PDB file of N, CA and C in Angstrom:
ATOM      1  N   MET A   1     115.962 154.689 113.847  1.00  0.00           N
ATOM      2  CA  MET A   1     116.011 153.330 114.365  1.00  0.00           C
ATOM      3  C   MET A   1     114.587 152.777 114.380  1.00  0.00           C
ATOM      4  N   SER A   2     114.433 151.552 113.948  1.00  0.00           N
ATOM      5  CA  SER A   2     113.107 150.944 113.885  1.00  0.00           C
ATOM      6  C   SER A   2     112.709 150.369 115.240  1.00  0.00           C
ATOM      7  N   LEU A   3     111.422 150.084 115.357  1.00  0.00           N
ATOM      8  CA  LEU A   3     110.930 149.458 116.581  1.00  0.00           C
ATOM      9  C   LEU A   3     111.542 148.078 116.772  1.00  0.00           C
ATOM     10  N   LEU A   4     111.809 147.387 115.669  1.00  0.00           N
ATOM     11  CA  LEU A   4     112.442 146.072 115.754  1.00  0.00           C
ATOM     12  C   LEU A   4     113.838 146.179 116.350  1.00  0.00           C
ATOM     13  N   ASN A   5     114.601 147.180 115.922  1.00  0.00           N
ATOM     14  CA  ASN A   5     115.934 147.395 116.487  1.00  0.00           C
ATOM     15  C   ASN A   5     115.844 147.755 117.965  1.00  0.00           C
ATOM     16  N   ASP A   6     114.865 148.570 118.333  1.00  0.00           N
ATOM     17  CA  ASP A   6     114.670 148.922 119.741  1.00  0.00           C
ATOM     18  C   ASP A   6     114.373 147.684 120.577  1.00  0.00           C
ATOM     19  N   ALA A   7     113.496 146.825 120.071  1.00  0.00           N
ATOM     20  CA  ALA A   7     113.132 145.602 120.801  1.00  0.00           C
ATOM     21  C   ALA A   7     114.334 144.678 120.943  1.00  0.00           C
ATOM     22  N   ALA A   8     115.147 144.569 119.892  1.00  0.00           N
ATOM     23  CA  ALA A   8     116.339 143.714 119.951  1.00  0.00           C
ATOM     24  C   ALA A   8     117.323 144.255 120.976  1.00  0.00           C
ATOM     25  N   GLY A   9     117.464 145.575 121.038  1.00  0.00           N
ATOM     26  CA  GLY A   9     118.367 146.177 122.022  1.00  0.00           C
ATOM     27  C   GLY A   9     117.898 145.936 123.442  1.00  0.00           C
ATOM     28  N   VAL A  10     116.616 146.043 123.677  1.00  0.00           N
ATOM     29  CA  VAL A  10     116.052 145.794 125.013  1.00  0.00           C
ATOM     30  C   VAL A  10     116.245 144.334 125.389  1.00  0.00           C
ATOM     31  N   GLU A  11     115.972 143.433 124.453  1.00  0.00           N
ATOM     32  CA  GLU A  11     116.132 141.998 124.731  1.00  0.00           C
ATOM     33  C   GLU A  11     117.591 141.659 125.007  1.00  0.00           C
ATOM     34  N   SER A  12     118.507 142.215 124.234  1.00  0.00           N
ATOM     35  CA  SER A  12     119.929 141.963 124.455  1.00  0.00           C
ATOM     36  C   SER A  12     120.358 142.451 125.836  1.00  0.00           C
ATOM     37  N   SER A  13     119.880 143.613 126.224  1.00  0.00           N
ATOM     38  CA  SER A  13     120.206 144.154 127.553  1.00  0.00           C
ATOM     39  C   SER A  13     119.653 143.258 128.651  1.00  0.00           C
ATOM     40  N   ARG A  14     118.447 142.731 128.436  1.00  0.00           N
ATOM     41  CA  ARG A  14     117.832 141.861 129.433  1.00  0.00           C
ATOM     42  C   ARG A  14     118.629 140.567 129.576  1.00  0.00           C
ATOM     43  N   VAL A  15     119.047 139.984 128.460  1.00  0.00           N
ATOM     44  CA  VAL A  15     119.824 138.744 128.489  1.00  0.00           C
ATOM     45  C   VAL A  15     121.169 138.976 129.170  1.00  0.00           C
ATOM     46  N   LEU A  16     121.836 140.068 128.832  1.00  0.00           N
ATOM     47  CA  LEU A  16     123.124 140.377 129.450  1.00  0.00           C
ATOM     48  C   LEU A  16     122.970 140.613 130.945  1.00  0.00           C
ATOM     49  N   SER A  17     121.932 141.328 131.327  1.00  0.00           N
ATOM     50  CA  SER A  17     121.696 141.584 132.755  1.00  0.00           C
ATOM     51  C   SER A  17     121.456 140.278 133.513  1.00  0.00           C
ATOM     52  N   ARG A  18     120.670 139.381 132.930  1.00  0.00           N
ATOM     53  CA  ARG A  18     120.416 138.092 133.585  1.00  0.00           C
ATOM     54  C   ARG A  18     121.700 137.277 133.702  1.00  0.00           C
ATOM     55  N   PHE A  19     122.513 137.281 132.655  1.00  0.00           N
ATOM     56  CA  PHE A  19     123.785 136.563 132.690  1.00  0.00           C
ATOM     57  C   PHE A  19     124.682 137.112 133.799  1.00  0.00           C
ATOM     58  N   ARG A  20     124.788 138.442 133.886  1.00  0.00           N
ATOM     59  CA  ARG A  20     125.630 139.052 134.924  1.00  0.00           C
ATOM     60  C   ARG A  20     125.110 138.705 136.319  1.00  0.00           C
ATOM     61  N   ASN A  21     123.796 138.715 136.512  1.00  0.00           N
ATOM     62  CA  ASN A  21     123.217 138.352 137.813  1.00  0.00           C
ATOM     63  C   ASN A  21     123.505 136.899 138.156  1.00  0.00           C
ATOM     64  N   ASP A  22     123.427 136.013 137.155  1.00  0.00           N
ATOM     65  CA  ASP A  22     123.712 134.596 137.385  1.00  0.00           C
ATOM     66  C   ASP A  22     125.177 134.386 137.780  1.00  0.00           C
ATOM     67  N   VAL A  23     126.080 135.062 137.098  1.00  0.00           N
ATOM     68  CA  VAL A  23     127.503 134.939 137.436  1.00  0.00           C
ATOM     69  C   VAL A  23     127.754 135.477 138.842  1.00  0.00           C
ATOM     70  N   TYR A  24     127.172 136.629 139.160  1.00  0.00           N
ATOM     71  CA  TYR A  24     127.357 137.217 140.491  1.00  0.00           C
ATOM     72  C   TYR A  24     126.850 136.273 141.581  1.00  0.00           C
ATOM     73  N   ALA A  25     125.755 135.567 141.309  1.00  0.00           N
ATOM     74  CA  ALA A  25     125.190 134.635 142.302  1.00  0.00           C
ATOM     75  C   ALA A  25     126.139 133.479 142.599  1.00  0.00           C
ATOM     76  N   CYS A  26     127.065 133.190 141.710  1.00  0.00           N
ATOM     77  CA  CYS A  26     128.033 132.105 141.914  1.00  0.00           C
ATOM     78  C   CYS A  26     129.207 132.538 142.795  1.00  0.00           C
ATOM     79  N   LEU A  27     129.352 133.812 143.038  1.00  0.00           N
ATOM     80  CA  LEU A  27     130.452 134.325 143.864  1.00  0.00           C
ATOM     81  C   LEU A  27     129.993 134.337 145.317  1.00  0.00           C
ATOM     82  N   LYS A  28     130.674 133.574 146.153  1.00  0.00           N
ATOM     83  CA  LYS A  28     130.207 133.348 147.521  1.00  0.00           C
ATOM     84  C   LYS A  28     130.924 134.181 148.575  1.00  0.00           C
ATOM     85  N   ALA A  29     132.120 134.614 148.316  1.00  0.00           N
ATOM     86  CA  ALA A  29     132.853 135.457 149.271  1.00  0.00           C
ATOM     87  C   ALA A  29     133.604 136.509 148.469  1.00  0.00           C
ATOM     88  N   ARG A  30     133.592 137.738 148.984  1.00  0.00           N
ATOM     89  CA  ARG A  30     134.234 138.867 148.299  1.00  0.00           C
ATOM     90  C   ARG A  30     133.676 139.025 146.885  1.00  0.00           C
ATOM     91  N   ALA A  31     132.359 138.862 146.778  1.00  0.00           N
ATOM     92  CA  ALA A  31     131.698 138.862 145.467  1.00  0.00           C
ATOM     93  C   ALA A  31     131.893 140.172 144.714  1.00  0.00           C
ATOM     94  N   ASP A  32     131.747 141.296 145.387  1.00  0.00           N
ATOM     95  CA  ASP A  32     131.871 142.583 144.698  1.00  0.00           C
ATOM     96  C   ASP A  32     133.262 142.765 144.101  1.00  0.00           C
ATOM     97  N   ALA A  33     134.271 142.449 144.883  1.00  0.00           N
ATOM     98  CA  ALA A  33     135.651 142.608 144.399  1.00  0.00           C
ATOM     99  C   ALA A  33     135.926 141.666 143.229  1.00  0.00           C
ATOM    100  N   LEU A  34     135.477 140.420 143.327  1.00  0.00           N
ATOM    101  CA  LEU A  34     135.712 139.463 142.242  1.00  0.00           C
ATOM    102  C   LEU A  34     134.935 139.835 140.981  1.00  0.00           C
ATOM    103  N   PHE A  35     133.716 140.322 141.150  1.00  0.00           N
ATOM    104  CA  PHE A  35     132.909 140.686 139.989  1.00  0.00           C
ATOM    105  C   PHE A  35     133.508 141.892 139.266  1.00  0.00           C
ATOM    106  N   GLU A  36     133.950 142.887 140.022  1.00  0.00           N
ATOM    107  CA  GLU A  36     134.593 144.033 139.391  1.00  0.00           C
ATOM    108  C   GLU A  36     135.919 143.641 138.751  1.00  0.00           C
ATOM    109  N   LEU A  37     136.611 142.691 139.343  1.00  0.00           N
ATOM    110  CA  LEU A  37     137.847 142.186 138.756  1.00  0.00           C
ATOM    111  C   LEU A  37     137.563 141.525 137.400  1.00  0.00           C
ATOM    112  N   ALA A  38     136.498 140.740 137.332  1.00  0.00           N
ATOM    113  CA  ALA A  38     136.116 140.119 136.060  1.00  0.00           C
ATOM    114  C   ALA A  38     135.747 141.187 135.029  1.00  0.00           C
ATOM    115  N   ASP A  39     135.004 142.205 135.441  1.00  0.00           N
ATOM    116  CA  ASP A  39     134.668 143.308 134.536  1.00  0.00           C
ATOM    117  C   ASP A  39     135.930 143.979 133.998  1.00  0.00           C
ATOM    118  N   ALA A  40     136.849 144.263 134.903  1.00  0.00           N
ATOM    119  CA  ALA A  40     138.088 144.930 134.497  1.00  0.00           C
ATOM    120  C   ALA A  40     138.884 144.054 133.533  1.00  0.00           C
ATOM    121  N   LEU A  41     138.934 142.767 133.808  1.00  0.00           N
ATOM    122  CA  LEU A  41     139.667 141.844 132.946  1.00  0.00           C
ATOM    123  C   LEU A  41     139.043 141.787 131.553  1.00  0.00           C
ATOM    124  N   LEU A  42     137.727 141.727 131.488  1.00  0.00           N
ATOM    125  CA  LEU A  42     137.043 141.637 130.200  1.00  0.00           C
ATOM    126  C   LEU A  42     137.095 142.932 129.398  1.00  0.00           C
ATOM    127  N   CYS A  43     137.226 144.054 130.090  1.00  0.00           N
ATOM    128  CA  CYS A  43     137.233 145.352 129.401  1.00  0.00           C
ATOM    129  C   CYS A  43     138.631 145.844 129.062  1.00  0.00           C
ATOM    130  N   GLU A  44     139.645 145.163 129.553  1.00  0.00           N
ATOM    131  CA  GLU A  44     141.020 145.596 129.299  1.00  0.00           C
ATOM    132  C   GLU A  44     141.338 145.437 127.809  1.00  0.00           C
ATOM    133  N   PRO A  45     141.855 146.478 127.156  1.00  0.00           N
ATOM    134  CA  PRO A  45     142.067 146.421 125.711  1.00  0.00           C
ATOM    135  C   PRO A  45     143.248 145.554 125.270  1.00  0.00           C
ATOM    136  N   GLY A  46     144.176 145.289 126.152  1.00  0.00           N
ATOM    137  CA  GLY A  46     145.352 144.516 125.761  1.00  0.00           C
ATOM    138  C   GLY A  46     145.658 143.460 126.803  1.00  0.00           C
ATOM    139  N   PRO A  47     146.843 142.886 126.724  1.00  0.00           N
ATOM    140  CA  PRO A  47     147.213 141.852 127.698  1.00  0.00           C
ATOM    141  C   PRO A  47     147.338 142.430 129.107  1.00  0.00           C
ATOM    142  N   VAL A  48     146.984 141.612 130.076  1.00  0.00           N
ATOM    143  CA  VAL A  48     147.098 141.996 131.487  1.00  0.00           C
ATOM    144  C   VAL A  48     148.356 141.343 132.030  1.00  0.00           C
ATOM    145  N   ARG A  49     149.251 142.144 132.545  1.00  0.00           N
ATOM    146  CA  ARG A  49     150.529 141.619 133.019  1.00  0.00           C
ATOM    147  C   ARG A  49     150.530 141.326 134.520  1.00  0.00           C
ATOM    148  N   SER A  50     149.649 141.998 135.262  1.00  0.00           N
ATOM    149  CA  SER A  50     149.570 141.743 136.701  1.00  0.00           C
ATOM    150  C   SER A  50     148.204 142.194 137.213  1.00  0.00           C
ATOM    151  N   PRO A  51     147.799 141.666 138.361  1.00  0.00           N
ATOM    152  CA  PRO A  51     146.528 142.106 138.943  1.00  0.00           C
ATOM    153  C   PRO A  51     146.518 143.608 139.250  1.00  0.00           C
ATOM    154  N   VAL A  52     147.671 144.157 139.571  1.00  0.00           N
ATOM    155  CA  VAL A  52     147.728 145.593 139.879  1.00  0.00           C
ATOM    156  C   VAL A  52     147.276 146.412 138.682  1.00  0.00           C
ATOM    157  N   ASP A  53     147.606 145.972 137.468  1.00  0.00           N
ATOM    158  CA  ASP A  53     147.140 146.667 136.268  1.00  0.00           C
ATOM    159  C   ASP A  53     145.617 146.754 136.259  1.00  0.00           C
ATOM    160  N   LEU A  54     144.952 145.682 136.671  1.00  0.00           N
ATOM    161  CA  LEU A  54     143.487 145.678 136.688  1.00  0.00           C
ATOM    162  C   LEU A  54     142.937 146.616 137.746  1.00  0.00           C
ATOM    163  N   SER A  55     143.652 146.786 138.850  1.00  0.00           N
ATOM    164  CA  SER A  55     143.162 147.679 139.903  1.00  0.00           C
ATOM    165  C   SER A  55     143.182 149.136 139.446  1.00  0.00           C
ATOM    166  N   LEU A  56     143.918 149.431 138.380  1.00  0.00           N
ATOM    167  CA  LEU A  56     143.962 150.789 137.837  1.00  0.00           C
ATOM    168  C   LEU A  56     142.912 151.015 136.752  1.00  0.00           C
ATOM    169  N   SER A  57     142.204 149.973 136.375  1.00  0.00           N
ATOM    170  CA  SER A  57     141.179 150.058 135.347  1.00  0.00           C
ATOM    171  C   SER A  57     139.959 150.819 135.869  1.00  0.00           C
ATOM    172  N   PRO A  58     139.270 151.590 135.033  1.00  0.00           N
ATOM    173  CA  PRO A  58     138.069 152.311 135.475  1.00  0.00           C
ATOM    174  C   PRO A  58     136.949 151.375 135.933  1.00  0.00           C
ATOM    175  N   GLU A  59     136.927 150.144 135.422  1.00  0.00           N
ATOM    176  CA  GLU A  59     135.887 149.200 135.817  1.00  0.00           C
ATOM    177  C   GLU A  59     136.100 148.659 137.222  1.00  0.00           C
ATOM    178  N   TYR A  60     137.310 148.722 137.715  1.00  0.00           N
ATOM    179  CA  TYR A  60     137.599 148.257 139.071  1.00  0.00           C
ATOM    180  C   TYR A  60     137.623 149.477 139.979  1.00  0.00           C
ATOM    181  N   ARG A  61     136.556 149.648 140.744  1.00  0.00           N
ATOM    182  CA  ARG A  61     136.391 150.873 141.528  1.00  0.00           C
ATOM    183  C   ARG A  61     136.945 150.761 142.943  1.00  0.00           C
ATOM    184  N   ARG A  62     137.597 149.674 143.254  1.00  0.00           N
ATOM    185  CA  ARG A  62     138.135 149.468 144.595  1.00  0.00           C
ATOM    186  C   ARG A  62     139.640 149.660 144.582  1.00  0.00           C
ATOM    187  N   GLY A  63     140.237 149.627 145.722  1.00  0.00           N
ATOM    188  CA  GLY A  63     141.687 149.756 145.815  1.00  0.00           C
ATOM    189  C   GLY A  63     142.381 148.424 145.582  1.00  0.00           C
ATOM    190  N   HIS A  64     143.710 148.487 145.482  1.00  0.00           N
ATOM    191  CA  HIS A  64     144.441 147.239 145.227  1.00  0.00           C
ATOM    192  C   HIS A  64     144.351 146.271 146.391  1.00  0.00           C
ATOM    193  N   GLY A  65     144.122 146.769 147.598  1.00  0.00           N
ATOM    194  CA  GLY A  65     143.955 145.879 148.755  1.00  0.00           C
ATOM    195  C   GLY A  65     142.733 144.983 148.607  1.00  0.00           C
ATOM    196  N   ALA A  66     141.642 145.552 148.113  1.00  0.00           N
ATOM    197  CA  ALA A  66     140.430 144.756 147.885  1.00  0.00           C
ATOM    198  C   ALA A  66     140.654 143.726 146.781  1.00  0.00           C
ATOM    199  N   LEU A  67     141.458 144.091 145.804  1.00  0.00           N
ATOM    200  CA  LEU A  67     141.770 143.163 144.727  1.00  0.00           C
ATOM    201  C   LEU A  67     142.494 141.934 145.282  1.00  0.00           C
ATOM    202  N   TYR A  68     143.525 142.164 146.064  1.00  0.00           N
ATOM    203  CA  TYR A  68     144.273 141.034 146.632  1.00  0.00           C
ATOM    204  C   TYR A  68     143.438 140.276 147.654  1.00  0.00           C
ATOM    205  N   GLY A  69     142.571 140.973 148.392  1.00  0.00           N
ATOM    206  CA  GLY A  69     141.658 140.290 149.306  1.00  0.00           C
ATOM    207  C   GLY A  69     140.699 139.382 148.561  1.00  0.00           C
ATOM    208  N   GLY A  70     140.181 139.875 147.429  1.00  0.00           N
ATOM    209  CA  GLY A  70     139.287 139.056 146.617  1.00  0.00           C
ATOM    210  C   GLY A  70     139.986 137.835 146.061  1.00  0.00           C
ATOM    211  N   LEU A  71     141.222 138.023 145.592  1.00  0.00           N
ATOM    212  CA  LEU A  71     141.969 136.888 145.048  1.00  0.00           C
ATOM    213  C   LEU A  71     142.353 135.890 146.130  1.00  0.00           C
ATOM    214  N   SER A  72     142.685 136.383 147.324  1.00  0.00           N
ATOM    215  CA  SER A  72     143.133 135.495 148.405  1.00  0.00           C
ATOM    216  C   SER A  72     141.979 134.823 149.139  1.00  0.00           C
ATOM    217  N   HIS A  73     140.893 135.569 149.366  1.00  0.00           N
ATOM    218  CA  HIS A  73     139.833 135.065 150.234  1.00  0.00           C
ATOM    219  C   HIS A  73     138.486 134.912 149.534  1.00  0.00           C
ATOM    220  N   GLY A  74     138.411 135.295 148.274  1.00  0.00           N
ATOM    221  CA  GLY A  74     137.159 135.158 147.538  1.00  0.00           C
ATOM    222  C   GLY A  74     136.850 133.699 147.257  1.00  0.00           C
ATOM    223  N   ARG A  75     135.569 133.412 147.134  1.00  0.00           N
ATOM    224  CA  ARG A  75     135.152 132.039 146.839  1.00  0.00           C
ATOM    225  C   ARG A  75     134.145 132.052 145.703  1.00  0.00           C
ATOM    226  N   THR A  76     134.270 131.082 144.824  1.00  0.00           N
ATOM    227  CA  THR A  76     133.342 130.917 143.715  1.00  0.00           C
ATOM    228  C   THR A  76     132.769 129.517 143.776  1.00  0.00           C
ATOM    229  N   ASP A  77     131.450 129.415 143.658  1.00  0.00           N
ATOM    230  CA  ASP A  77     130.807 128.105 143.582  1.00  0.00           C
ATOM    231  C   ASP A  77     130.925 127.642 142.133  1.00  0.00           C
ATOM    232  N   VAL A  78     131.993 126.924 141.843  1.00  0.00           N
ATOM    233  CA  VAL A  78     132.309 126.518 140.475  1.00  0.00           C
ATOM    234  C   VAL A  78     131.230 125.592 139.932  1.00  0.00           C
ATOM    235  N   GLU A  79     130.724 124.694 140.773  1.00  0.00           N
ATOM    236  CA  GLU A  79     129.675 123.775 140.326  1.00  0.00           C
ATOM    237  C   GLU A  79     128.437 124.552 139.881  1.00  0.00           C
ATOM    238  N   GLN A  80     128.047 125.536 140.660  1.00  0.00           N
ATOM    239  CA  GLN A  80     126.895 126.368 140.310  1.00  0.00           C
ATOM    240  C   GLN A  80     127.170 127.146 139.019  1.00  0.00           C
ATOM    241  N   LEU A  81     128.381 127.617 138.865  1.00  0.00           N
ATOM    242  CA  LEU A  81     128.755 128.365 137.666  1.00  0.00           C
ATOM    243  C   LEU A  81     128.609 127.508 136.411  1.00  0.00           C
ATOM    244  N   PHE A  82     129.044 126.258 136.484  1.00  0.00           N
ATOM    245  CA  PHE A  82     128.967 125.380 135.316  1.00  0.00           C
ATOM    246  C   PHE A  82     127.586 124.796 135.094  1.00  0.00           C
ATOM    247  N   LEU A  83     126.718 124.840 136.097  1.00  0.00           N
ATOM    248  CA  LEU A  83     125.371 124.323 135.932  1.00  0.00           C
ATOM    249  C   LEU A  83     124.420 125.357 135.334  1.00  0.00           C
ATOM    250  N   ARG A  84     124.873 126.579 135.212  1.00  0.00           N
ATOM    251  CA  ARG A  84     124.036 127.632 134.619  1.00  0.00           C
ATOM    252  C   ARG A  84     123.763 127.289 133.158  1.00  0.00           C
ATOM    253  N   PRO A  85     122.519 127.493 132.705  1.00  0.00           N
ATOM    254  CA  PRO A  85     122.246 127.232 131.283  1.00  0.00           C
ATOM    255  C   PRO A  85     122.995 128.220 130.407  1.00  0.00           C
ATOM    256  N   ALA A  86     123.363 127.771 129.233  1.00  0.00           N
ATOM    257  CA  ALA A  86     124.046 128.648 128.286  1.00  0.00           C
ATOM    258  C   ALA A  86     123.105 129.757 127.853  1.00  0.00           C
ATOM    259  N   VAL A  87     123.619 130.944 127.697  1.00  0.00           N
ATOM    260  CA  VAL A  87     122.826 132.086 127.281  1.00  0.00           C
ATOM    261  C   VAL A  87     122.725 132.077 125.763  1.00  0.00           C
ATOM    262  N   SER A  88     121.533 132.166 125.276  1.00  0.00           N
ATOM    263  CA  SER A  88     121.325 132.221 123.829  1.00  0.00           C
ATOM    264  C   SER A  88     120.788 133.592 123.467  1.00  0.00           C
ATOM    265  N   VAL A  89     121.423 134.235 122.505  1.00  0.00           N
ATOM    266  CA  VAL A  89     120.982 135.556 122.077  1.00  0.00           C
ATOM    267  C   VAL A  89     120.299 135.500 120.716  1.00  0.00           C
ATOM    268  N   LEU A  90     120.087 134.302 120.216  1.00  0.00           N
ATOM    269  CA  LEU A  90     119.425 134.162 118.919  1.00  0.00           C
ATOM    270  C   LEU A  90     117.939 134.087 119.063  1.00  0.00           C
TER     271      LEU A  90
END
């Protein structure tokens, strides 16, 4: 692997980490449960038929009670989410 490839990998990781931190900052209540739910949803290989399916995903490390608590009582600052600058990887 060349140094250029190494630098691109580091930069990509940095951009992804910043994006994840920005998204997490938009979650105002039950942030951990909602963030893990988003991870589980994005990593699921096929269609998701119910939230319970996501609670069984390895990316969702909490129980199904936390999942329903996040869905029922979680809050997202939607305005803040949409005001985030678009991430450019080019």
